[in-house]
Amino acid sequence: MAKTITTRYDVAEHLRTPEEMATYLEACLEEASGDAAFIAKALGDIARAKGMSQVARDASLSRESLYKALSGERSPSFDTILKVVGALGLKLGAEALHVTQSTAQQSAPSDAPTSRG
């Protein structure tokens, strides 16, 4: 019987185009549940796919600082995140959360005008 050889999966090897990188980051943002280190690790995967040295230069960071910031073991500053996202040729976006009518009414300020109609 032949012996099966396995290798470690590295997502960075599969992020070839800017579109794939953006899709990967978007999926990670949805899955992160507020975990900043998880997002940093995802940015690190994309940076490795693009080339850490080039990303570090483009973000005006040292290569060592970039590795530490995107290791997933810490939560980098938002300033660092913005620099890295820009260096990767990506942009962050926002969209409104869909809330139920009762949730919207509960969170409305008490002095807000009410519609009568």
PDB file of N, CA and C in Angstrom:
ATOM      1  N   MET A   1       0.837  -1.171   0.000  1.00  0.00           N
ATOM      2  CA  MET A   1       0.000   0.000   0.000  1.00  0.00           C
ATOM      3  C   MET A   1       0.889   1.244   0.000  1.00  0.00           C
ATOM      4  N   ALA A   2       0.561   2.187  -0.868  1.00  0.00           N
ATOM      5  CA  ALA A   2       1.340   3.420  -0.989  1.00  0.00           C
ATOM      6  C   ALA A   2       1.073   4.328   0.202  1.00  0.00           C
ATOM      7  N   LYS A   3       2.114   4.974   0.633  1.00  0.00           N
ATOM      8  CA  LYS A   3       1.995   5.895   1.756  1.00  0.00           C
ATOM      9  C   LYS A   3       1.471   7.235   1.256  1.00  0.00           C
ATOM     10  N   THR A   4       0.470   7.783   1.935  1.00  0.00           N
ATOM     11  CA  THR A   4      -0.097   9.074   1.573  1.00  0.00           C
ATOM     12  C   THR A   4       0.737  10.177   2.197  1.00  0.00           C
ATOM     13  N   ILE A   5       1.109  11.130   1.378  1.00  0.00           N
ATOM     14  CA  ILE A   5       1.877  12.269   1.865  1.00  0.00           C
ATOM     15  C   ILE A   5       0.974  13.490   1.830  1.00  0.00           C
ATOM     16  N   THR A   6       0.897  14.177   2.946  1.00  0.00           N
ATOM     17  CA  THR A   6       0.083  15.392   3.008  1.00  0.00           C
ATOM     18  C   THR A   6       0.996  16.602   3.181  1.00  0.00           C
ATOM     19  N   THR A   7       0.518  17.713   2.724  1.00  0.00           N
ATOM     20  CA  THR A   7       1.251  18.966   2.898  1.00  0.00           C
ATOM     21  C   THR A   7       0.332  19.966   3.569  1.00  0.00           C
ATOM     22  N   ARG A   8       0.913  20.925   4.211  1.00  0.00           N
ATOM     23  CA  ARG A   8       0.145  21.960   4.896  1.00  0.00           C
ATOM     24  C   ARG A   8      -0.523  22.871   3.861  1.00  0.00           C
ATOM     25  N   TYR A   9      -1.800  23.156   4.061  1.00  0.00           N
ATOM     26  CA  TYR A   9      -2.538  24.044   3.161  1.00  0.00           C
ATOM     27  C   TYR A   9      -2.166  25.484   3.469  1.00  0.00           C
ATOM     28  N   ASP A  10      -1.837  26.226   2.438  1.00  0.00           N
ATOM     29  CA  ASP A  10      -1.500  27.647   2.586  1.00  0.00           C
ATOM     30  C   ASP A  10      -2.383  28.447   1.647  1.00  0.00           C
ATOM     31  N   VAL A  11      -3.341  29.169   2.209  1.00  0.00           N
ATOM     32  CA  VAL A  11      -4.290  29.927   1.399  1.00  0.00           C
ATOM     33  C   VAL A  11      -3.581  30.956   0.523  1.00  0.00           C
ATOM     34  N   ALA A  12      -2.436  31.453   0.982  1.00  0.00           N
ATOM     35  CA  ALA A  12      -1.705  32.469   0.207  1.00  0.00           C
ATOM     36  C   ALA A  12      -1.320  31.959  -1.182  1.00  0.00           C
ATOM     37  N   GLU A  13      -1.137  30.659  -1.308  1.00  0.00           N
ATOM     38  CA  GLU A  13      -0.786  30.076  -2.608  1.00  0.00           C
ATOM     39  C   GLU A  13      -1.952  30.117  -3.597  1.00  0.00           C
ATOM     40  N   HIS A  14      -3.148  30.361  -3.089  1.00  0.00           N
ATOM     41  CA  HIS A  14      -4.350  30.337  -3.929  1.00  0.00           C
ATOM     42  C   HIS A  14      -4.952  31.713  -4.159  1.00  0.00           C
ATOM     43  N   LEU A  15      -4.326  32.739  -3.617  1.00  0.00           N
ATOM     44  CA  LEU A  15      -4.801  34.111  -3.802  1.00  0.00           C
ATOM     45  C   LEU A  15      -3.964  34.752  -4.901  1.00  0.00           C
ATOM     46  N   ARG A  16      -4.431  34.626  -6.126  1.00  0.00           N
ATOM     47  CA  ARG A  16      -3.622  35.049  -7.271  1.00  0.00           C
ATOM     48  C   ARG A  16      -4.020  36.395  -7.849  1.00  0.00           C
ATOM     49  N   THR A  17      -5.276  36.755  -7.749  1.00  0.00           N
ATOM     50  CA  THR A  17      -5.749  37.991  -8.369  1.00  0.00           C
ATOM     51  C   THR A  17      -6.273  38.948  -7.297  1.00  0.00           C
ATOM     52  N   PRO A  18      -6.319  40.238  -7.603  1.00  0.00           N
ATOM     53  CA  PRO A  18      -6.901  41.191  -6.646  1.00  0.00           C
ATOM     54  C   PRO A  18      -8.346  40.840  -6.278  1.00  0.00           C
ATOM     55  N   GLU A  19      -9.082  40.294  -7.219  1.00  0.00           N
ATOM     56  CA  GLU A  19     -10.473  39.918  -6.947  1.00  0.00           C
ATOM     57  C   GLU A  19     -10.540  38.773  -5.942  1.00  0.00           C
ATOM     58  N   GLU A  20      -9.652  37.779  -6.088  1.00  0.00           N
ATOM     59  CA  GLU A  20      -9.619  36.663  -5.137  1.00  0.00           C
ATOM     60  C   GLU A  20      -9.223  37.163  -3.747  1.00  0.00           C
ATOM     61  N   MET A  21      -8.284  38.089  -3.710  1.00  0.00           N
ATOM     62  CA  MET A  21      -7.846  38.652  -2.436  1.00  0.00           C
ATOM     63  C   MET A  21      -8.979  39.415  -1.760  1.00  0.00           C
ATOM     64  N   ALA A  22      -9.700  40.211  -2.523  1.00  0.00           N
ATOM     65  CA  ALA A  22     -10.823  40.986  -1.978  1.00  0.00           C
ATOM     66  C   ALA A  22     -11.934  40.059  -1.492  1.00  0.00           C
ATOM     67  N   THR A  23     -12.227  39.024  -2.244  1.00  0.00           N
ATOM     68  CA  THR A  23     -13.264  38.070  -1.850  1.00  0.00           C
ATOM     69  C   THR A  23     -12.878  37.343  -0.573  1.00  0.00           C
ATOM     70  N   TYR A  24     -11.616  36.959  -0.475  1.00  0.00           N
ATOM     71  CA  TYR A  24     -11.119  36.290   0.726  1.00  0.00           C
ATOM     72  C   TYR A  24     -11.243  37.215   1.937  1.00  0.00           C
ATOM     73  N   LEU A  25     -10.817  38.470   1.802  1.00  0.00           N
ATOM     74  CA  LEU A  25     -10.906  39.412   2.913  1.00  0.00           C
ATOM     75  C   LEU A  25     -12.357  39.640   3.320  1.00  0.00           C
ATOM     76  N   GLU A  26     -13.231  39.773   2.345  1.00  0.00           N
ATOM     77  CA  GLU A  26     -14.652  39.975   2.647  1.00  0.00           C
ATOM     78  C   GLU A  26     -15.223  38.785   3.417  1.00  0.00           C
ATOM     79  N   ALA A  27     -14.876  37.584   3.002  1.00  0.00           N
ATOM     80  CA  ALA A  27     -15.353  36.381   3.701  1.00  0.00           C
ATOM     81  C   ALA A  27     -14.812  36.341   5.130  1.00  0.00           C
ATOM     82  N   CYS A  28     -13.562  36.712   5.298  1.00  0.00           N
ATOM     83  CA  CYS A  28     -12.968  36.718   6.636  1.00  0.00           C
ATOM     84  C   CYS A  28     -13.608  37.777   7.528  1.00  0.00           C
ATOM     85  N   LEU A  29     -13.922  38.937   6.962  1.00  0.00           N
ATOM     86  CA  LEU A  29     -14.599  39.981   7.734  1.00  0.00           C
ATOM     87  C   LEU A  29     -15.959  39.490   8.223  1.00  0.00           C
ATOM     88  N   GLU A  30     -16.655  38.737   7.394  1.00  0.00           N
ATOM     89  CA  GLU A  30     -17.968  38.209   7.784  1.00  0.00           C
ATOM     90  C   GLU A  30     -17.848  37.133   8.860  1.00  0.00           C
ATOM     91  N   GLU A  31     -16.788  36.343   8.817  1.00  0.00           N
ATOM     92  CA  GLU A  31     -16.617  35.244   9.753  1.00  0.00           C
ATOM     93  C   GLU A  31     -15.948  35.651  11.061  1.00  0.00           C
ATOM     94  N   ALA A  32     -15.331  36.807  11.096  1.00  0.00           N
ATOM     95  CA  ALA A  32     -14.477  37.200  12.222  1.00  0.00           C
ATOM     96  C   ALA A  32     -15.219  37.387  13.539  1.00  0.00           C
ATOM     97  N   SER A  33     -16.455  37.772  13.505  1.00  0.00           N
ATOM     98  CA  SER A  33     -17.239  38.029  14.721  1.00  0.00           C
ATOM     99  C   SER A  33     -16.509  38.951  15.688  1.00  0.00           C
ATOM    100  N   GLY A  34     -15.923  40.021  15.156  1.00  0.00           N
ATOM    101  CA  GLY A  34     -15.262  41.004  15.996  1.00  0.00           C
ATOM    102  C   GLY A  34     -13.846  40.647  16.411  1.00  0.00           C
ATOM    103  N   ASP A  35     -13.297  39.575  15.889  1.00  0.00           N
ATOM    104  CA  ASP A  35     -11.948  39.142  16.251  1.00  0.00           C
ATOM    105  C   ASP A  35     -10.916  39.855  15.372  1.00  0.00           C
ATOM    106  N   ALA A  36     -10.316  40.916  15.903  1.00  0.00           N
ATOM    107  CA  ALA A  36      -9.363  41.721  15.132  1.00  0.00           C
ATOM    108  C   ALA A  36      -8.124  40.919  14.739  1.00  0.00           C
ATOM    109  N   ALA A  37      -7.690  40.010  15.594  1.00  0.00           N
ATOM    110  CA  ALA A  37      -6.512  39.192  15.277  1.00  0.00           C
ATOM    111  C   ALA A  37      -6.793  38.286  14.077  1.00  0.00           C
ATOM    112  N   PHE A  38      -8.028  37.815  13.959  1.00  0.00           N
ATOM    113  CA  PHE A  38      -8.419  36.978  12.821  1.00  0.00           C
ATOM    114  C   PHE A  38      -8.317  37.781  11.520  1.00  0.00           C
ATOM    115  N   ILE A  39      -8.766  39.021  11.554  1.00  0.00           N
ATOM    116  CA  ILE A  39      -8.681  39.897  10.382  1.00  0.00           C
ATOM    117  C   ILE A  39      -7.221  40.188  10.054  1.00  0.00           C
ATOM    118  N   ALA A  40      -6.413  40.431  11.082  1.00  0.00           N
ATOM    119  CA  ALA A  40      -4.987  40.684  10.863  1.00  0.00           C
ATOM    120  C   ALA A  40      -4.331  39.477  10.192  1.00  0.00           C
ATOM    121  N   LYS A  41      -4.696  38.286  10.629  1.00  0.00           N
ATOM    122  CA  LYS A  41      -4.138  37.061  10.029  1.00  0.00           C
ATOM    123  C   LYS A  41      -4.558  36.952   8.568  1.00  0.00           C
ATOM    124  N   ALA A  42      -5.816  37.278   8.272  1.00  0.00           N
ATOM    125  CA  ALA A  42      -6.295  37.238   6.880  1.00  0.00           C
ATOM    126  C   ALA A  42      -5.517  38.228   6.022  1.00  0.00           C
ATOM    127  N   LEU A  43      -5.268  39.420   6.556  1.00  0.00           N
ATOM    128  CA  LEU A  43      -4.462  40.400   5.827  1.00  0.00           C
ATOM    129  C   LEU A  43      -3.036  39.880   5.631  1.00  0.00           C
ATOM    130  N   GLY A  44      -2.541  39.149   6.626  1.00  0.00           N
ATOM    131  CA  GLY A  44      -1.223  38.540   6.504  1.00  0.00           C
ATOM    132  C   GLY A  44      -1.167  37.504   5.395  1.00  0.00           C
ATOM    133  N   ASP A  45      -2.233  36.721   5.262  1.00  0.00           N
ATOM    134  CA  ASP A  45      -2.312  35.735   4.168  1.00  0.00           C
ATOM    135  C   ASP A  45      -2.240  36.440   2.818  1.00  0.00           C
ATOM    136  N   ILE A  46      -2.992  37.522   2.695  1.00  0.00           N
ATOM    137  CA  ILE A  46      -3.012  38.268   1.433  1.00  0.00           C
ATOM    138  C   ILE A  46      -1.652  38.917   1.179  1.00  0.00           C
ATOM    139  N   ALA A  47      -1.051  39.458   2.229  1.00  0.00           N
ATOM    140  CA  ALA A  47       0.264  40.091   2.087  1.00  0.00           C
ATOM    141  C   ALA A  47       1.314  39.070   1.640  1.00  0.00           C
ATOM    142  N   ARG A  48       1.257  37.861   2.193  1.00  0.00           N
ATOM    143  CA  ARG A  48       2.200  36.820   1.770  1.00  0.00           C
ATOM    144  C   ARG A  48       1.980  36.453   0.312  1.00  0.00           C
ATOM    145  N   ALA A  49       0.720  36.432  -0.112  1.00  0.00           N
ATOM    146  CA  ALA A  49       0.423  36.118  -1.515  1.00  0.00           C
ATOM    147  C   ALA A  49       0.982  37.191  -2.441  1.00  0.00           C
ATOM    148  N   LYS A  50       0.955  38.415  -1.979  1.00  0.00           N
ATOM    149  CA  LYS A  50       1.402  39.541  -2.797  1.00  0.00           C
ATOM    150  C   LYS A  50       2.910  39.781  -2.681  1.00  0.00           C
ATOM    151  N   GLY A  51       3.470  39.339  -1.573  1.00  0.00           N
ATOM    152  CA  GLY A  51       4.894  39.541  -1.316  1.00  0.00           C
ATOM    153  C   GLY A  51       5.079  40.495  -0.150  1.00  0.00           C
ATOM    154  N   MET A  52       5.527  39.963   0.974  1.00  0.00           N
ATOM    155  CA  MET A  52       5.626  40.755   2.202  1.00  0.00           C
ATOM    156  C   MET A  52       6.556  41.958   2.055  1.00  0.00           C
ATOM    157  N   SER A  53       7.663  41.785   1.375  1.00  0.00           N
ATOM    158  CA  SER A  53       8.611  42.895   1.240  1.00  0.00           C
ATOM    159  C   SER A  53       7.983  44.066   0.503  1.00  0.00           C
ATOM    160  N   GLN A  54       7.286  43.775  -0.581  1.00  0.00           N
ATOM    161  CA  GLN A  54       6.649  44.836  -1.361  1.00  0.00           C
ATOM    162  C   GLN A  54       5.530  45.504  -0.568  1.00  0.00           C
ATOM    163  N   VAL A  55       4.725  44.707   0.117  1.00  0.00           N
ATOM    164  CA  VAL A  55       3.632  45.258   0.920  1.00  0.00           C
ATOM    165  C   VAL A  55       4.202  46.135   2.037  1.00  0.00           C
ATOM    166  N   ALA A  56       5.272  45.690   2.675  1.00  0.00           N
ATOM    167  CA  ALA A  56       5.898  46.489   3.737  1.00  0.00           C
ATOM    168  C   ALA A  56       6.375  47.835   3.194  1.00  0.00           C
ATOM    169  N   ARG A  57       7.025  47.819   2.037  1.00  0.00           N
ATOM    170  CA  ARG A  57       7.473  49.087   1.425  1.00  0.00           C
ATOM    171  C   ARG A  57       6.290  49.987   1.119  1.00  0.00           C
ATOM    172  N   ASP A  58       5.264  49.415   0.486  1.00  0.00           N
ATOM    173  CA  ASP A  58       4.093  50.212   0.094  1.00  0.00           C
ATOM    174  C   ASP A  58       3.325  50.762   1.301  1.00  0.00           C
ATOM    175  N   ALA A  59       3.398  50.056   2.430  1.00  0.00           N
ATOM    176  CA  ALA A  59       2.694  50.490   3.641  1.00  0.00           C
ATOM    177  C   ALA A  59       3.581  51.357   4.534  1.00  0.00           C
ATOM    178  N   SER A  60       4.805  51.576   4.104  1.00  0.00           N
ATOM    179  CA  SER A  60       5.786  52.340   4.892  1.00  0.00           C
ATOM    180  C   SER A  60       6.021  51.725   6.271  1.00  0.00           C
ATOM    181  N   LEU A  61       6.139  50.399   6.281  1.00  0.00           N
ATOM    182  CA  LEU A  61       6.418  49.658   7.510  1.00  0.00           C
ATOM    183  C   LEU A  61       7.653  48.794   7.277  1.00  0.00           C
ATOM    184  N   SER A  62       8.328  48.432   8.358  1.00  0.00           N
ATOM    185  CA  SER A  62       9.429  47.480   8.202  1.00  0.00           C
ATOM    186  C   SER A  62       8.816  46.098   7.983  1.00  0.00           C
ATOM    187  N   ARG A  63       9.568  45.253   7.321  1.00  0.00           N
ATOM    188  CA  ARG A  63       9.074  43.900   7.042  1.00  0.00           C
ATOM    189  C   ARG A  63       8.801  43.157   8.351  1.00  0.00           C
ATOM    190  N   GLU A  64       9.692  43.338   9.326  1.00  0.00           N
ATOM    191  CA  GLU A  64       9.530  42.688  10.623  1.00  0.00           C
ATOM    192  C   GLU A  64       8.257  43.170  11.321  1.00  0.00           C
ATOM    193  N   SER A  65       8.006  44.477  11.290  1.00  0.00           N
ATOM    194  CA  SER A  65       6.791  45.033  11.901  1.00  0.00           C
ATOM    195  C   SER A  65       5.547  44.485  11.227  1.00  0.00           C
ATOM    196  N   LEU A  66       5.614  44.352   9.901  1.00  0.00           N
ATOM    197  CA  LEU A  66       4.475  43.827   9.160  1.00  0.00           C
ATOM    198  C   LEU A  66       4.187  42.381   9.559  1.00  0.00           C
ATOM    199  N   TYR A  67       5.217  41.554   9.634  1.00  0.00           N
ATOM    200  CA  TYR A  67       5.031  40.159  10.056  1.00  0.00           C
ATOM    201  C   TYR A  67       4.404  40.087  11.440  1.00  0.00           C
ATOM    202  N   LYS A  68       4.908  40.892  12.373  1.00  0.00           N
ATOM    203  CA  LYS A  68       4.366  40.885  13.738  1.00  0.00           C
ATOM    204  C   LYS A  68       2.910  41.338  13.755  1.00  0.00           C
ATOM    205  N   ALA A  69       2.614  42.419  13.033  1.00  0.00           N
ATOM    206  CA  ALA A  69       1.262  42.979  13.030  1.00  0.00           C
ATOM    207  C   ALA A  69       0.246  42.019  12.430  1.00  0.00           C
ATOM    208  N   LEU A  70       0.670  41.242  11.438  1.00  0.00           N
ATOM    209  CA  LEU A  70      -0.269  40.376  10.712  1.00  0.00           C
ATOM    210  C   LEU A  70      -0.123  38.905  11.069  1.00  0.00           C
ATOM    211  N   SER A  71       0.498  38.626  12.204  1.00  0.00           N
ATOM    212  CA  SER A  71       0.718  37.238  12.609  1.00  0.00           C
ATOM    213  C   SER A  71      -0.555  36.558  13.103  1.00  0.00           C
ATOM    214  N   GLY A  72      -1.526  37.346  13.518  1.00  0.00           N
ATOM    215  CA  GLY A  72      -2.739  36.781  14.104  1.00  0.00           C
ATOM    216  C   GLY A  72      -2.603  36.592  15.603  1.00  0.00           C
ATOM    217  N   GLU A  73      -1.439  36.910  16.146  1.00  0.00           N
ATOM    218  CA  GLU A  73      -1.213  36.769  17.583  1.00  0.00           C
ATOM    219  C   GLU A  73      -1.495  38.059  18.341  1.00  0.00           C
ATOM    220  N   ARG A  74      -1.717  39.137  17.621  1.00  0.00           N
ATOM    221  CA  ARG A  74      -2.011  40.428  18.245  1.00  0.00           C
ATOM    222  C   ARG A  74      -2.992  41.175  17.363  1.00  0.00           C
ATOM    223  N   SER A  75      -3.529  42.246  17.910  1.00  0.00           N
ATOM    224  CA  SER A  75      -4.442  43.099  17.151  1.00  0.00           C
ATOM    225  C   SER A  75      -3.711  44.386  16.798  1.00  0.00           C
ATOM    226  N   PRO A  76      -3.362  44.559  15.534  1.00  0.00           N
ATOM    227  CA  PRO A  76      -2.637  45.774  15.145  1.00  0.00           C
ATOM    228  C   PRO A  76      -3.523  47.006  15.252  1.00  0.00           C
ATOM    229  N   SER A  77      -2.889  48.170  15.265  1.00  0.00           N
ATOM    230  CA  SER A  77      -3.657  49.417  15.336  1.00  0.00           C
ATOM    231  C   SER A  77      -4.461  49.585  14.046  1.00  0.00           C
ATOM    232  N   PHE A  78      -5.497  50.385  14.156  1.00  0.00           N
ATOM    233  CA  PHE A  78      -6.330  50.629  12.973  1.00  0.00           C
ATOM    234  C   PHE A  78      -5.535  51.356  11.906  1.00  0.00           C
ATOM    235  N   ASP A  79      -4.609  52.206  12.329  1.00  0.00           N
ATOM    236  CA  ASP A  79      -3.733  52.916  11.398  1.00  0.00           C
ATOM    237  C   ASP A  79      -2.921  51.907  10.570  1.00  0.00           C
ATOM    238  N   THR A  80      -2.389  50.897  11.228  1.00  0.00           N
ATOM    239  CA  THR A  80      -1.627  49.858  10.518  1.00  0.00           C
ATOM    240  C   THR A  80      -2.522  49.097   9.556  1.00  0.00           C
ATOM    241  N   ILE A  81      -3.726  48.763  10.002  1.00  0.00           N
ATOM    242  CA  ILE A  81      -4.675  48.053   9.132  1.00  0.00           C
ATOM    243  C   ILE A  81      -4.937  48.872   7.871  1.00  0.00           C
ATOM    244  N   LEU A  82      -5.195  50.156   8.044  1.00  0.00           N
ATOM    245  CA  LEU A  82      -5.480  51.011   6.883  1.00  0.00           C
ATOM    246  C   LEU A  82      -4.289  51.090   5.937  1.00  0.00           C
ATOM    247  N   LYS A  83      -3.085  51.198   6.481  1.00  0.00           N
ATOM    248  CA  LYS A  83      -1.886  51.228   5.643  1.00  0.00           C
ATOM    249  C   LYS A  83      -1.737  49.938   4.849  1.00  0.00           C
ATOM    250  N   VAL A  84      -1.947  48.812   5.516  1.00  0.00           N
ATOM    251  CA  VAL A  84      -1.790  47.506   4.861  1.00  0.00           C
ATOM    252  C   VAL A  84      -2.860  47.305   3.795  1.00  0.00           C
ATOM    253  N   VAL A  85      -4.101  47.626   4.125  1.00  0.00           N
ATOM    254  CA  VAL A  85      -5.189  47.470   3.151  1.00  0.00           C
ATOM    255  C   VAL A  85      -4.887  48.303   1.903  1.00  0.00           C
ATOM    256  N   GLY A  86      -4.426  49.536   2.092  1.00  0.00           N
ATOM    257  CA  GLY A  86      -4.066  50.384   0.956  1.00  0.00           C
ATOM    258  C   GLY A  86      -2.907  49.801   0.165  1.00  0.00           C
ATOM    259  N   ALA A  87      -1.897  49.289   0.865  1.00  0.00           N
ATOM    260  CA  ALA A  87      -0.733  48.700   0.192  1.00  0.00           C
ATOM    261  C   ALA A  87      -1.114  47.450  -0.591  1.00  0.00           C
ATOM    262  N   LEU A  88      -2.159  46.774  -0.148  1.00  0.00           N
ATOM    263  CA  LEU A  88      -2.628  45.575  -0.850  1.00  0.00           C
ATOM    264  C   LEU A  88      -3.497  45.913  -2.059  1.00  0.00           C
ATOM    265  N   GLY A  89      -3.813  47.200  -2.210  1.00  0.00           N
ATOM    266  CA  GLY A  89      -4.666  47.604  -3.328  1.00  0.00           C
ATOM    267  C   GLY A  89      -6.129  47.285  -3.083  1.00  0.00           C
ATOM    268  N   LEU A  90      -6.503  47.212  -1.805  1.00  0.00           N
ATOM    269  CA  LEU A  90      -7.884  46.912  -1.430  1.00  0.00           C
ATOM    270  C   LEU A  90      -8.473  48.114  -0.721  1.00  0.00           C
ATOM    271  N   LYS A  91      -9.762  48.077  -0.467  1.00  0.00           N
ATOM    272  CA  LYS A  91     -10.399  49.115   0.350  1.00  0.00           C
ATOM    273  C   LYS A  91     -11.440  48.464   1.225  1.00  0.00           C
ATOM    274  N   LEU A  92     -11.632  49.057   2.383  1.00  0.00           N
ATOM    275  CA  LEU A  92     -12.655  48.573   3.305  1.00  0.00           C
ATOM    276  C   LEU A  92     -13.970  49.251   2.972  1.00  0.00           C
ATOM    277  N   GLY A  93     -15.054  48.576   3.249  1.00  0.00           N
ATOM    278  CA  GLY A  93     -16.373  49.138   2.989  1.00  0.00           C
ATOM    279  C   GLY A  93     -17.263  48.950   4.207  1.00  0.00           C
ATOM    280  N   ALA A  94     -18.424  49.502   4.128  1.00  0.00           N
ATOM    281  CA  ALA A  94     -19.402  49.364   5.200  1.00  0.00           C
ATOM    282  C   ALA A  94     -20.782  49.236   4.596  1.00  0.00           C
ATOM    283  N   GLU A  95     -21.631  48.557   5.317  1.00  0.00           N
ATOM    284  CA  GLU A  95     -23.025  48.474   4.900  1.00  0.00           C
ATOM    285  C   GLU A  95     -23.889  48.449   6.150  1.00  0.00           C
ATOM    286  N   ALA A  96     -25.104  48.902   6.019  1.00  0.00           N
ATOM    287  CA  ALA A  96     -26.018  48.961   7.155  1.00  0.00           C
ATOM    288  C   ALA A  96     -26.456  47.556   7.548  1.00  0.00           C
ATOM    289  N   LEU A  97     -26.538  47.345   8.845  1.00  0.00           N
ATOM    290  CA  LEU A  97     -27.088  46.096   9.339  1.00  0.00           C
ATOM    291  C   LEU A  97     -28.602  46.154   9.188  1.00  0.00           C
ATOM    292  N   HIS A  98     -29.188  45.055   8.892  1.00  0.00           N
ATOM    293  CA  HIS A  98     -30.645  45.000   8.796  1.00  0.00           C
ATOM    294  C   HIS A  98     -31.191  44.740  10.188  1.00  0.00           C
ATOM    295  N   VAL A  99     -31.991  45.683  10.674  1.00  0.00           N
ATOM    296  CA  VAL A  99     -32.559  45.541  12.007  1.00  0.00           C
ATOM    297  C   VAL A  99     -34.068  45.390  11.897  1.00  0.00           C
ATOM    298  N   THR A 100     -34.646  44.735  12.879  1.00  0.00           N
ATOM    299  CA  THR A 100     -36.094  44.568  12.885  1.00  0.00           C
ATOM    300  C   THR A 100     -36.749  45.867  13.316  1.00  0.00           C
ATOM    301  N   GLN A 101     -37.996  46.030  13.029  1.00  0.00           N
ATOM    302  CA  GLN A 101     -38.739  47.242  13.377  1.00  0.00           C
ATOM    303  C   GLN A 101     -38.711  47.482  14.879  1.00  0.00           C
ATOM    304  N   SER A 102     -38.904  46.435  15.705  1.00  0.00           N
ATOM    305  CA  SER A 102     -38.939  46.624  17.158  1.00  0.00           C
ATOM    306  C   SER A 102     -37.570  47.030  17.685  1.00  0.00           C
ATOM    307  N   THR A 103     -36.484  46.519  17.101  1.00  0.00           N
ATOM    308  CA  THR A 103     -35.141  46.908  17.514  1.00  0.00           C
ATOM    309  C   THR A 103     -34.895  48.363  17.189  1.00  0.00           C
ATOM    310  N   ALA A 104     -35.320  48.816  16.024  1.00  0.00           N
ATOM    311  CA  ALA A 104     -35.134  50.209  15.624  1.00  0.00           C
ATOM    312  C   ALA A 104     -35.901  51.140  16.556  1.00  0.00           C
ATOM    313  N   GLN A 105     -37.107  50.745  16.954  1.00  0.00           N
ATOM    314  CA  GLN A 105     -37.897  51.579  17.848  1.00  0.00           C
ATOM    315  C   GLN A 105     -37.275  51.645  19.235  1.00  0.00           C
ATOM    316  N   GLN A 106     -36.698  50.540  19.706  1.00  0.00           N
ATOM    317  CA  GLN A 106     -36.084  50.512  21.027  1.00  0.00           C
ATOM    318  C   GLN A 106     -34.835  51.382  21.082  1.00  0.00           C
ATOM    319  N   SER A 107     -34.109  51.468  19.969  1.00  0.00           N
ATOM    320  CA  SER A 107     -32.862  52.222  19.985  1.00  0.00           C
ATOM    321  C   SER A 107     -33.046  53.683  19.595  1.00  0.00           C
ATOM    322  N   ALA A 108     -34.253  54.096  19.207  1.00  0.00           N
ATOM    323  CA  ALA A 108     -34.507  55.486  18.831  1.00  0.00           C
ATOM    324  C   ALA A 108     -34.480  56.358  20.087  1.00  0.00           C
ATOM    325  N   PRO A 109     -33.890  57.554  19.968  1.00  0.00           N
ATOM    326  CA  PRO A 109     -33.874  58.467  21.134  1.00  0.00           C
ATOM    327  C   PRO A 109     -35.294  58.839  21.532  1.00  0.00           C
ATOM    328  N   SER A 110     -35.502  59.054  22.844  1.00  0.00           N
ATOM    329  CA  SER A 110     -36.853  59.348  23.333  1.00  0.00           C
ATOM    330  C   SER A 110     -37.384  60.689  22.853  1.00  0.00           C
ATOM    331  N   ASP A 111     -36.497  61.613  22.516  1.00  0.00           N
ATOM    332  CA  ASP A 111     -36.963  62.924  22.057  1.00  0.00           C
ATOM    333  C   ASP A 111     -37.072  63.001  20.531  1.00  0.00           C
ATOM    334  N   ALA A 112     -36.952  61.853  19.872  1.00  0.00           N
ATOM    335  CA  ALA A 112     -37.063  61.829  18.407  1.00  0.00           C
ATOM    336  C   ALA A 112     -38.494  62.107  17.997  1.00  0.00           C
ATOM    337  N   PRO A 113     -38.677  62.860  16.934  1.00  0.00           N
ATOM    338  CA  PRO A 113     -40.043  63.133  16.483  1.00  0.00           C
ATOM    339  C   PRO A 113     -40.717  61.844  16.006  1.00  0.00           C
ATOM    340  N   THR A 114     -41.992  61.761  16.243  1.00  0.00           N
ATOM    341  CA  THR A 114     -42.735  60.592  15.780  1.00  0.00           C
ATOM    342  C   THR A 114     -43.624  61.029  14.632  1.00  0.00           C
ATOM    343  N   SER A 115     -43.879  60.100  13.751  1.00  0.00           N
ATOM    344  CA  SER A 115     -44.730  60.454  12.604  1.00  0.00           C
ATOM    345  C   SER A 115     -46.172  60.154  12.974  1.00  0.00           C
ATOM    346  N   ARG A 116     -47.026  61.049  12.589  1.00  0.00           N
ATOM    347  CA  ARG A 116     -48.462  60.862  12.837  1.00  0.00           C
ATOM    348  C   ARG A 116     -49.140  60.992  11.498  1.00  0.00           C
ATOM    349  N   GLY A 117     -49.637  59.938  11.049  1.00  0.00           N
ATOM    350  CA  GLY A 117     -50.206  60.094   9.730  1.00  0.00           C
ATOM    351  C   GLY A 117     -51.138  59.111   9.351  1.00  0.00           C
TER     352      GLY A 117
END
